[in-house]
Amino acid sequence: MKTIVINNQKGGVGKTMLAAHLAWFLAEDDPTSRILVIDFDPQGNVSHTLSEHGNGAKASQLLFGPDLALESRPGITLLAADPALFAAEQQAEAAMVSIEGRFPELKAHFDFVVIDTPPTWGVRNMAAMMVADALVSPIELEEYALLGVRALLNQRRHVESKARNGRALHFLGLLPSRFQSNSPKQRQHLQDLIKGVGSNMMFPGVITQRQGYSEALSEKVPVWKIKKTAAQEAGREIRPILSVIKERTLALSEAAA
């Protein structure tokens, strides 16, 4: 089982869009794969988009119980967001102990886990990063968003050093999202970001601002399933990105071996 967390402490950067499309891609790329999507964001956007894959199980059960009873089957299974997630900040120690104990039980049932996280740093973000193998951080190329990059990278290092007992959380890269290719300001911000953090911290590719992505979430289907020309262009853009995420995550197993 490989676990990929989508994390950035800012809203509106496309985390939910990326999480949903990654789950759809993994399910289509190998129909025998068993994919679990965990929605740790109480707003529940990815839960709404993937609602047909829910079975009543809730994300808060990983943090507080009761025990999960999940079937091992191909395709997507959703652990939906629920209001009990709000209690994580008040019961931080219990939540962290719980997920450490419960998460390994999923290994017998799933090949991939995709975790969507809240837009503000807290216990749910830390819990997700504590159990993950790989981290992808979509980022919007606006001035204030760029200021938060170093904070995000520092939080990743904090989780590694304090919560994971030296185990590596493999950073797959900053992924420019909602990129406006016709904006000189955004192109400059992209260059400034590459110069500031180094090209090795950047994900190869960008997700541009396209109406097709919001239509896909609204219609609860991958963007490449929508017949409109703009949506098909979006599909051609995002599928190679999703493929690289999968390839890099699987490569972690080979490196460990």
C-alpha atoms as a PDB file:
ATOM      1  CA  MET A   1       0.000   0.000   0.000  1.00  0.00           C
ATOM      2  CA  LYS A   2       1.284   3.442  -0.948  1.00  0.00           C
ATOM      3  CA  THR A   3      -0.171   6.609   0.542  1.00  0.00           C
ATOM      4  CA  ILE A   4      -0.155   9.989  -1.220  1.00  0.00           C
ATOM      5  CA  VAL A   5      -1.182  13.135   0.631  1.00  0.00           C
ATOM      6  CA  ILE A   6      -2.254  16.299  -1.185  1.00  0.00           C
ATOM      7  CA  ASN A   7      -1.355  19.187   1.088  1.00  0.00           C
ATOM      8  CA  ASN A   8      -0.976  22.957   1.053  1.00  0.00           C
ATOM      9  CA  GLN A   9      -2.087  25.286   3.831  1.00  0.00           C
ATOM     10  CA  LYS A  10      -4.133  27.475   1.522  1.00  0.00           C
ATOM     11  CA  GLY A  11      -7.571  27.139   0.014  1.00  0.00           C
ATOM     12  CA  GLY A  12      -8.393  27.398  -3.667  1.00  0.00           C
ATOM     13  CA  VAL A  13      -5.203  25.827  -5.006  1.00  0.00           C
ATOM     14  CA  GLY A  14      -6.842  22.745  -6.519  1.00  0.00           C
ATOM     15  CA  LYS A  15      -6.173  20.103  -3.837  1.00  0.00           C
ATOM     16  CA  THR A  16      -9.610  18.519  -4.159  1.00  0.00           C
ATOM     17  CA  MET A  17      -9.497  18.550  -7.943  1.00  0.00           C
ATOM     18  CA  LEU A  18      -6.103  16.841  -7.891  1.00  0.00           C
ATOM     19  CA  ALA A  19      -7.121  14.280  -5.248  1.00  0.00           C
ATOM     20  CA  ALA A  20     -10.276  13.266  -7.115  1.00  0.00           C
ATOM     21  CA  HIS A  21      -8.525  13.006 -10.467  1.00  0.00           C
ATOM     22  CA  LEU A  22      -5.651  11.025  -8.970  1.00  0.00           C
ATOM     23  CA  ALA A  23      -8.124   8.500  -7.558  1.00  0.00           C
ATOM     24  CA  TRP A  24      -9.957   8.265 -10.893  1.00  0.00           C
ATOM     25  CA  PHE A  25      -6.681   7.868 -12.756  1.00  0.00           C
ATOM     26  CA  LEU A  26      -5.365   5.135 -10.470  1.00  0.00           C
ATOM     27  CA  ALA A  27      -8.641   3.223 -10.790  1.00  0.00           C
ATOM     28  CA  GLU A  28      -8.643   3.470 -14.594  1.00  0.00           C
ATOM     29  CA  ASP A  29      -4.925   2.834 -15.068  1.00  0.00           C
ATOM     30  CA  ASP A  30      -5.199  -0.532 -13.335  1.00  0.00           C
ATOM     31  CA  PRO A  31      -8.790  -1.792 -12.877  1.00  0.00           C
ATOM     32  CA  THR A  32      -7.575  -4.308 -10.283  1.00  0.00           C
ATOM     33  CA  SER A  33      -6.185  -1.576  -7.999  1.00  0.00           C
ATOM     34  CA  ARG A  34      -7.916  -0.884  -4.713  1.00  0.00           C
ATOM     35  CA  ILE A  35      -7.885   2.846  -3.949  1.00  0.00           C
ATOM     36  CA  LEU A  36      -8.926   4.429  -0.673  1.00  0.00           C
ATOM     37  CA  VAL A  37      -9.683   8.157  -0.611  1.00  0.00           C
ATOM     38  CA  ILE A  38      -9.623   9.788   2.829  1.00  0.00           C
ATOM     39  CA  ASP A  39     -11.222  13.213   3.141  1.00  0.00           C
ATOM     40  CA  PHE A  40      -9.741  14.968   6.183  1.00  0.00           C
ATOM     41  CA  ASP A  41     -11.230  18.338   5.170  1.00  0.00           C
ATOM     42  CA  PRO A  42     -14.542  18.895   7.019  1.00  0.00           C
ATOM     43  CA  GLN A  43     -15.761  20.958   4.057  1.00  0.00           C
ATOM     44  CA  GLY A  44     -16.169  17.578   2.367  1.00  0.00           C
ATOM     45  CA  ASN A  45     -15.620  18.648  -1.229  1.00  0.00           C
ATOM     46  CA  VAL A  46     -13.898  15.464  -2.390  1.00  0.00           C
ATOM     47  CA  SER A  47     -16.518  13.472  -0.455  1.00  0.00           C
ATOM     48  CA  HIS A  48     -19.221  15.187  -2.500  1.00  0.00           C
ATOM     49  CA  THR A  49     -17.408  14.566  -5.780  1.00  0.00           C
ATOM     50  CA  LEU A  50     -16.758  10.880  -5.013  1.00  0.00           C
ATOM     51  CA  SER A  51     -19.994  10.288  -3.115  1.00  0.00           C
ATOM     52  CA  GLU A  52     -20.947   7.257  -5.231  1.00  0.00           C
ATOM     53  CA  HIS A  53     -17.929   5.441  -3.775  1.00  0.00           C
ATOM     54  CA  GLY A  54     -18.938   5.945  -0.141  1.00  0.00           C
ATOM     55  CA  ASN A  55     -20.215   3.133   2.051  1.00  0.00           C
ATOM     56  CA  GLY A  56     -21.018   5.019   5.227  1.00  0.00           C
ATOM     57  CA  ALA A  57     -17.490   4.868   6.660  1.00  0.00           C
ATOM     58  CA  LYS A  58     -16.160   8.191   7.973  1.00  0.00           C
ATOM     59  CA  ALA A  59     -12.672   9.700   7.990  1.00  0.00           C
ATOM     60  CA  SER A  60     -12.986  10.522  11.698  1.00  0.00           C
ATOM     61  CA  GLN A  61     -13.010   6.781  12.477  1.00  0.00           C
ATOM     62  CA  LEU A  62      -9.269   6.743  11.819  1.00  0.00           C
ATOM     63  CA  LEU A  63      -8.831   9.378  14.530  1.00  0.00           C
ATOM     64  CA  PHE A  64     -11.438   8.417  17.113  1.00  0.00           C
ATOM     65  CA  GLY A  65     -13.074   5.110  16.173  1.00  0.00           C
ATOM     66  CA  PRO A  66     -15.142   3.023  16.008  1.00  0.00           C
ATOM     67  CA  ASP A  67     -13.096   0.469  14.108  1.00  0.00           C
ATOM     68  CA  LEU A  68     -13.457   0.427  10.349  1.00  0.00           C
ATOM     69  CA  ALA A  69     -15.015  -2.526   8.557  1.00  0.00           C
ATOM     70  CA  LEU A  70     -13.821  -2.143   4.973  1.00  0.00           C
ATOM     71  CA  GLU A  71     -14.156  -4.630   2.147  1.00  0.00           C
ATOM     72  CA  SER A  72     -11.203  -5.333  -0.116  1.00  0.00           C
ATOM     73  CA  ARG A  73     -12.447  -4.686  -3.648  1.00  0.00           C
ATOM     74  CA  PRO A  74     -11.116  -3.127  -6.866  1.00  0.00           C
ATOM     75  CA  GLY A  75     -11.900   0.512  -7.530  1.00  0.00           C
ATOM     76  CA  ILE A  76     -12.394   3.503  -5.261  1.00  0.00           C
ATOM     77  CA  THR A  77     -13.554   3.432  -1.648  1.00  0.00           C
ATOM     78  CA  LEU A  78     -14.280   6.700   0.136  1.00  0.00           C
ATOM     79  CA  LEU A  79     -13.776   7.566   3.794  1.00  0.00           C
ATOM     80  CA  ALA A  80     -16.002  10.620   3.798  1.00  0.00           C
ATOM     81  CA  ALA A  81     -15.478  13.815   5.777  1.00  0.00           C
ATOM     82  CA  ASP A  82     -17.794  14.295   8.747  1.00  0.00           C
ATOM     83  CA  PRO A  83     -18.333  16.902  11.507  1.00  0.00           C
ATOM     84  CA  ALA A  84     -16.465  14.762  14.062  1.00  0.00           C
ATOM     85  CA  LEU A  85     -13.226  15.818  12.329  1.00  0.00           C
ATOM     86  CA  PHE A  86     -13.547  19.218  13.999  1.00  0.00           C
ATOM     87  CA  ALA A  87     -12.750  17.550  17.340  1.00  0.00           C
ATOM     88  CA  ALA A  88      -9.228  16.689  16.213  1.00  0.00           C
ATOM     89  CA  GLU A  89      -7.757  19.964  17.472  1.00  0.00           C
ATOM     90  CA  GLN A  90      -9.190  19.420  20.943  1.00  0.00           C
ATOM     91  CA  GLN A  91      -8.166  15.745  21.092  1.00  0.00           C
ATOM     92  CA  ALA A  92      -4.833  15.972  19.292  1.00  0.00           C
ATOM     93  CA  GLU A  93      -2.873  13.391  21.265  1.00  0.00           C
ATOM     94  CA  ALA A  94      -5.631  10.784  21.128  1.00  0.00           C
ATOM     95  CA  ALA A  95      -6.137  11.370  17.405  1.00  0.00           C
ATOM     96  CA  MET A  96      -2.447  10.902  16.592  1.00  0.00           C
ATOM     97  CA  VAL A  97      -2.171   7.744  18.683  1.00  0.00           C
ATOM     98  CA  SER A  98      -5.315   6.383  17.036  1.00  0.00           C
ATOM     99  CA  ILE A  99      -4.224   6.900  13.439  1.00  0.00           C
ATOM    100  CA  GLU A 100      -0.825   5.376  14.173  1.00  0.00           C
ATOM    101  CA  GLY A 101      -2.568   2.253  15.400  1.00  0.00           C
ATOM    102  CA  ARG A 102      -5.411   2.040  12.903  1.00  0.00           C
ATOM    103  CA  PHE A 103      -3.721   3.037   9.655  1.00  0.00           C
ATOM    104  CA  PRO A 104      -1.509  -0.059   9.276  1.00  0.00           C
ATOM    105  CA  GLU A 105      -4.663  -2.193   9.331  1.00  0.00           C
ATOM    106  CA  LEU A 106      -5.557  -0.780   5.904  1.00  0.00           C
ATOM    107  CA  LYS A 107      -2.550  -2.401   4.223  1.00  0.00           C
ATOM    108  CA  ALA A 108      -4.328  -5.689   3.682  1.00  0.00           C
ATOM    109  CA  HIS A 109      -7.186  -3.981   1.879  1.00  0.00           C
ATOM    110  CA  PHE A 110      -5.753  -1.270  -0.405  1.00  0.00           C
ATOM    111  CA  ASP A 111      -2.998  -0.662  -2.945  1.00  0.00           C
ATOM    112  CA  PHE A 112      -3.163   3.149  -2.863  1.00  0.00           C
ATOM    113  CA  VAL A 113      -4.455   5.710  -0.382  1.00  0.00           C
ATOM    114  CA  VAL A 114      -5.098   9.320  -1.458  1.00  0.00           C
ATOM    115  CA  ILE A 115      -5.621  11.847   1.351  1.00  0.00           C
ATOM    116  CA  ASP A 116      -7.170  15.283   0.834  1.00  0.00           C
ATOM    117  CA  THR A 117      -6.375  17.760   3.608  1.00  0.00           C
ATOM    118  CA  PRO A 118      -7.784  21.012   5.049  1.00  0.00           C
ATOM    119  CA  PRO A 119      -6.465  24.415   3.906  1.00  0.00           C
ATOM    120  CA  THR A 120      -5.202  25.338   7.379  1.00  0.00           C
ATOM    121  CA  TRP A 121      -2.414  23.609   9.294  1.00  0.00           C
ATOM    122  CA  GLY A 122      -3.541  21.445  12.201  1.00  0.00           C
ATOM    123  CA  VAL A 123      -3.839  17.954  13.613  1.00  0.00           C
ATOM    124  CA  ARG A 124      -5.562  16.504  10.545  1.00  0.00           C
ATOM    125  CA  ASN A 125      -2.774  17.719   8.241  1.00  0.00           C
ATOM    126  CA  MET A 126      -0.125  16.363  10.590  1.00  0.00           C
ATOM    127  CA  ALA A 127      -1.925  13.024  10.902  1.00  0.00           C
ATOM    128  CA  ALA A 128      -2.108  12.693   7.115  1.00  0.00           C
ATOM    129  CA  MET A 129       1.556  13.551   6.623  1.00  0.00           C
ATOM    130  CA  MET A 130       2.583  11.257   9.464  1.00  0.00           C
ATOM    131  CA  VAL A 131       1.246   8.137   7.710  1.00  0.00           C
ATOM    132  CA  ALA A 132       1.939   9.116   4.086  1.00  0.00           C
ATOM    133  CA  ASP A 133       4.696   7.868   1.814  1.00  0.00           C
ATOM    134  CA  ALA A 134       4.546  10.752  -0.671  1.00  0.00           C
ATOM    135  CA  LEU A 135       3.507  14.403  -0.608  1.00  0.00           C
ATOM    136  CA  VAL A 136       2.352  16.558  -3.517  1.00  0.00           C
ATOM    137  CA  SER A 137       1.731  20.260  -2.946  1.00  0.00           C
ATOM    138  CA  PRO A 138      -0.330  22.152  -5.513  1.00  0.00           C
ATOM    139  CA  ILE A 139       0.428  25.860  -5.363  1.00  0.00           C
ATOM    140  CA  GLU A 140      -1.214  28.899  -6.925  1.00  0.00           C
ATOM    141  CA  LEU A 141       1.273  31.331  -8.419  1.00  0.00           C
ATOM    142  CA  GLU A 142       0.126  34.434  -6.612  1.00  0.00           C
ATOM    143  CA  GLU A 143       2.333  36.605  -4.444  1.00  0.00           C
ATOM    144  CA  TYR A 144       0.882  35.644  -1.075  1.00  0.00           C
ATOM    145  CA  ALA A 145       0.802  31.951  -1.991  1.00  0.00           C
ATOM    146  CA  LEU A 146       4.512  32.025  -2.730  1.00  0.00           C
ATOM    147  CA  LEU A 147       5.176  33.414   0.741  1.00  0.00           C
ATOM    148  CA  GLY A 148       3.712  30.240   2.231  1.00  0.00           C
ATOM    149  CA  VAL A 149       5.982  27.814   0.387  1.00  0.00           C
ATOM    150  CA  ARG A 150       8.784  27.856   2.930  1.00  0.00           C
ATOM    151  CA  ALA A 151       6.293  27.398   5.761  1.00  0.00           C
ATOM    152  CA  LEU A 152       4.903  24.351   3.980  1.00  0.00           C
ATOM    153  CA  LEU A 153       8.366  22.861   3.506  1.00  0.00           C
ATOM    154  CA  ASN A 154       9.226  23.573   7.152  1.00  0.00           C
ATOM    155  CA  GLN A 155       6.056  21.786   8.281  1.00  0.00           C
ATOM    156  CA  ARG A 156       7.023  18.758   6.232  1.00  0.00           C
ATOM    157  CA  ARG A 157      10.438  18.695   7.924  1.00  0.00           C
ATOM    158  CA  HIS A 158       8.768  19.120  11.312  1.00  0.00           C
ATOM    159  CA  VAL A 159       6.528  16.111  10.724  1.00  0.00           C
ATOM    160  CA  GLU A 160       9.491  14.029   9.606  1.00  0.00           C
ATOM    161  CA  SER A 161      11.595  14.907  12.625  1.00  0.00           C
ATOM    162  CA  LYS A 162       8.933  14.909  15.336  1.00  0.00           C
ATOM    163  CA  ALA A 163       6.154  12.547  14.306  1.00  0.00           C
ATOM    164  CA  ARG A 164       7.717   9.939  12.034  1.00  0.00           C
ATOM    165  CA  ASN A 165      10.732   8.849  14.077  1.00  0.00           C
ATOM    166  CA  GLY A 166      13.144   9.610  11.253  1.00  0.00           C
ATOM    167  CA  ARG A 167      11.082   7.978   8.491  1.00  0.00           C
ATOM    168  CA  ALA A 168      11.163   9.960   5.256  1.00  0.00           C
ATOM    169  CA  LEU A 169       8.125  11.677   3.821  1.00  0.00           C
ATOM    170  CA  HIS A 170       9.036  11.758   0.145  1.00  0.00           C
ATOM    171  CA  PHE A 171       8.265  15.132  -1.394  1.00  0.00           C
ATOM    172  CA  LEU A 172       7.193  14.707  -5.014  1.00  0.00           C
ATOM    173  CA  GLY A 173       7.234  18.442  -5.638  1.00  0.00           C
ATOM    174  CA  LEU A 174       5.438  21.759  -5.757  1.00  0.00           C
ATOM    175  CA  LEU A 175       2.850  21.561  -8.528  1.00  0.00           C
ATOM    176  CA  PRO A 176       1.830  24.940 -10.024  1.00  0.00           C
ATOM    177  CA  SER A 177      -1.961  24.886 -10.197  1.00  0.00           C
ATOM    178  CA  ARG A 178      -4.598  27.191 -11.693  1.00  0.00           C
ATOM    179  CA  PHE A 179      -1.740  28.620 -13.736  1.00  0.00           C
ATOM    180  CA  GLN A 180      -2.699  31.450 -16.097  1.00  0.00           C
ATOM    181  CA  SER A 181      -0.311  31.005 -18.978  1.00  0.00           C
ATOM    182  CA  ASN A 182      -1.244  34.382 -20.483  1.00  0.00           C
ATOM    183  CA  SER A 183      -0.339  36.242 -17.299  1.00  0.00           C
ATOM    184  CA  PRO A 184       3.168  37.790 -17.314  1.00  0.00           C
ATOM    185  CA  LYS A 185       2.914  38.168 -13.549  1.00  0.00           C
ATOM    186  CA  GLN A 186       2.263  34.460 -13.019  1.00  0.00           C
ATOM    187  CA  ARG A 187       5.027  33.474 -15.427  1.00  0.00           C
ATOM    188  CA  GLN A 188       7.398  35.682 -13.440  1.00  0.00           C
ATOM    189  CA  HIS A 189       6.213  34.154 -10.162  1.00  0.00           C
ATOM    190  CA  LEU A 190       6.913  30.705 -11.596  1.00  0.00           C
ATOM    191  CA  GLN A 191      10.450  31.714 -12.482  1.00  0.00           C
ATOM    192  CA  ASP A 192      10.923  33.302  -9.042  1.00  0.00           C
ATOM    193  CA  LEU A 193       9.687  30.136  -7.367  1.00  0.00           C
ATOM    194  CA  ILE A 194      12.049  27.900  -9.353  1.00  0.00           C
ATOM    195  CA  LYS A 195      14.928  30.231  -8.526  1.00  0.00           C
ATOM    196  CA  GLY A 196      13.958  30.380  -4.858  1.00  0.00           C
ATOM    197  CA  VAL A 197      13.470  26.689  -4.070  1.00  0.00           C
ATOM    198  CA  GLY A 198      15.398  25.010  -6.872  1.00  0.00           C
ATOM    199  CA  SER A 199      14.114  23.061  -9.851  1.00  0.00           C
ATOM    200  CA  ASN A 200      14.468  19.776  -7.941  1.00  0.00           C
ATOM    201  CA  MET A 201      11.635  20.898  -5.633  1.00  0.00           C
ATOM    202  CA  MET A 202       9.285  21.529  -8.559  1.00  0.00           C
ATOM    203  CA  PHE A 203       6.946  18.979 -10.082  1.00  0.00           C
ATOM    204  CA  PRO A 204       7.452  18.519 -13.840  1.00  0.00           C
ATOM    205  CA  GLY A 205       4.397  20.189 -15.307  1.00  0.00           C
ATOM    206  CA  VAL A 206       1.675  22.692 -14.461  1.00  0.00           C
ATOM    207  CA  ILE A 207      -2.103  22.590 -14.207  1.00  0.00           C
ATOM    208  CA  THR A 208      -3.544  25.577 -16.012  1.00  0.00           C
ATOM    209  CA  GLN A 209      -6.718  27.464 -15.196  1.00  0.00           C
ATOM    210  CA  ARG A 210      -9.396  25.656 -17.215  1.00  0.00           C
ATOM    211  CA  GLN A 211     -13.174  25.583 -16.912  1.00  0.00           C
ATOM    212  CA  GLY A 212     -13.128  21.863 -17.653  1.00  0.00           C
ATOM    213  CA  TYR A 213     -11.773  21.016 -14.208  1.00  0.00           C
ATOM    214  CA  SER A 214     -14.637  22.664 -12.327  1.00  0.00           C
ATOM    215  CA  GLU A 215     -17.125  21.042 -14.723  1.00  0.00           C
ATOM    216  CA  ALA A 216     -15.561  17.664 -14.000  1.00  0.00           C
ATOM    217  CA  LEU A 217     -15.992  18.078 -10.242  1.00  0.00           C
ATOM    218  CA  SER A 218     -19.550  19.273 -10.727  1.00  0.00           C
ATOM    219  CA  GLU A 219     -20.434  16.329 -12.957  1.00  0.00           C
ATOM    220  CA  LYS A 220     -18.466  13.896 -10.742  1.00  0.00           C
ATOM    221  CA  VAL A 221     -16.457  12.471 -13.631  1.00  0.00           C
ATOM    222  CA  PRO A 222     -12.816  12.791 -14.743  1.00  0.00           C
ATOM    223  CA  VAL A 223     -12.226  15.778 -16.981  1.00  0.00           C
ATOM    224  CA  TRP A 224     -11.135  13.479 -19.831  1.00  0.00           C
ATOM    225  CA  LYS A 225     -14.632  11.934 -19.841  1.00  0.00           C
ATOM    226  CA  ILE A 226     -16.232  15.270 -20.796  1.00  0.00           C
ATOM    227  CA  LYS A 227     -16.584  15.639 -24.567  1.00  0.00           C
ATOM    228  CA  LYS A 228     -16.018  19.397 -24.796  1.00  0.00           C
ATOM    229  CA  THR A 229     -12.803  20.447 -26.538  1.00  0.00           C
ATOM    230  CA  ALA A 230     -11.560  22.458 -23.537  1.00  0.00           C
ATOM    231  CA  ALA A 231     -12.130  19.505 -21.224  1.00  0.00           C
ATOM    232  CA  GLN A 232     -10.285  17.169 -23.564  1.00  0.00           C
ATOM    233  CA  GLU A 233      -7.347  19.604 -23.569  1.00  0.00           C
ATOM    234  CA  ALA A 234      -7.406  19.570 -19.768  1.00  0.00           C
ATOM    235  CA  GLY A 235      -7.388  15.778 -19.828  1.00  0.00           C
ATOM    236  CA  ARG A 236      -4.315  15.747 -22.060  1.00  0.00           C
ATOM    237  CA  GLU A 237      -2.656  18.138 -19.635  1.00  0.00           C
ATOM    238  CA  ILE A 238      -3.388  16.387 -16.341  1.00  0.00           C
ATOM    239  CA  ARG A 239      -3.068  12.706 -17.243  1.00  0.00           C
ATOM    240  CA  PRO A 240       0.743  12.836 -17.699  1.00  0.00           C
ATOM    241  CA  ILE A 241       1.007  14.609 -14.325  1.00  0.00           C
ATOM    242  CA  LEU A 242      -1.041  11.888 -12.635  1.00  0.00           C
ATOM    243  CA  SER A 243       1.059   9.238 -14.345  1.00  0.00           C
ATOM    244  CA  VAL A 244       4.254  10.773 -12.942  1.00  0.00           C
ATOM    245  CA  ILE A 245       2.737  10.876  -9.438  1.00  0.00           C
ATOM    246  CA  LYS A 246       1.963   7.164  -9.694  1.00  0.00           C
ATOM    247  CA  GLU A 247       5.361   6.271 -11.166  1.00  0.00           C
ATOM    248  CA  ARG A 248       7.289   8.229  -8.540  1.00  0.00           C
ATOM    249  CA  THR A 249       5.234   6.758  -5.713  1.00  0.00           C
ATOM    250  CA  LEU A 250       5.733   3.198  -6.938  1.00  0.00           C
ATOM    251  CA  ALA A 251       9.445   3.904  -7.316  1.00  0.00           C
ATOM    252  CA  LEU A 252       9.587   4.425  -3.562  1.00  0.00           C
ATOM    253  CA  SER A 253       8.894   0.700  -3.123  1.00  0.00           C
ATOM    254  CA  GLU A 254      11.727  -0.217  -5.468  1.00  0.00           C
ATOM    255  CA  ALA A 255      14.118   2.154  -3.687  1.00  0.00           C
ATOM    256  CA  ALA A 256      13.196   0.628  -0.326  1.00  0.00           C
ATOM    257  CA  ALA A 257      13.776  -2.866  -1.686  1.00  0.00           C
END
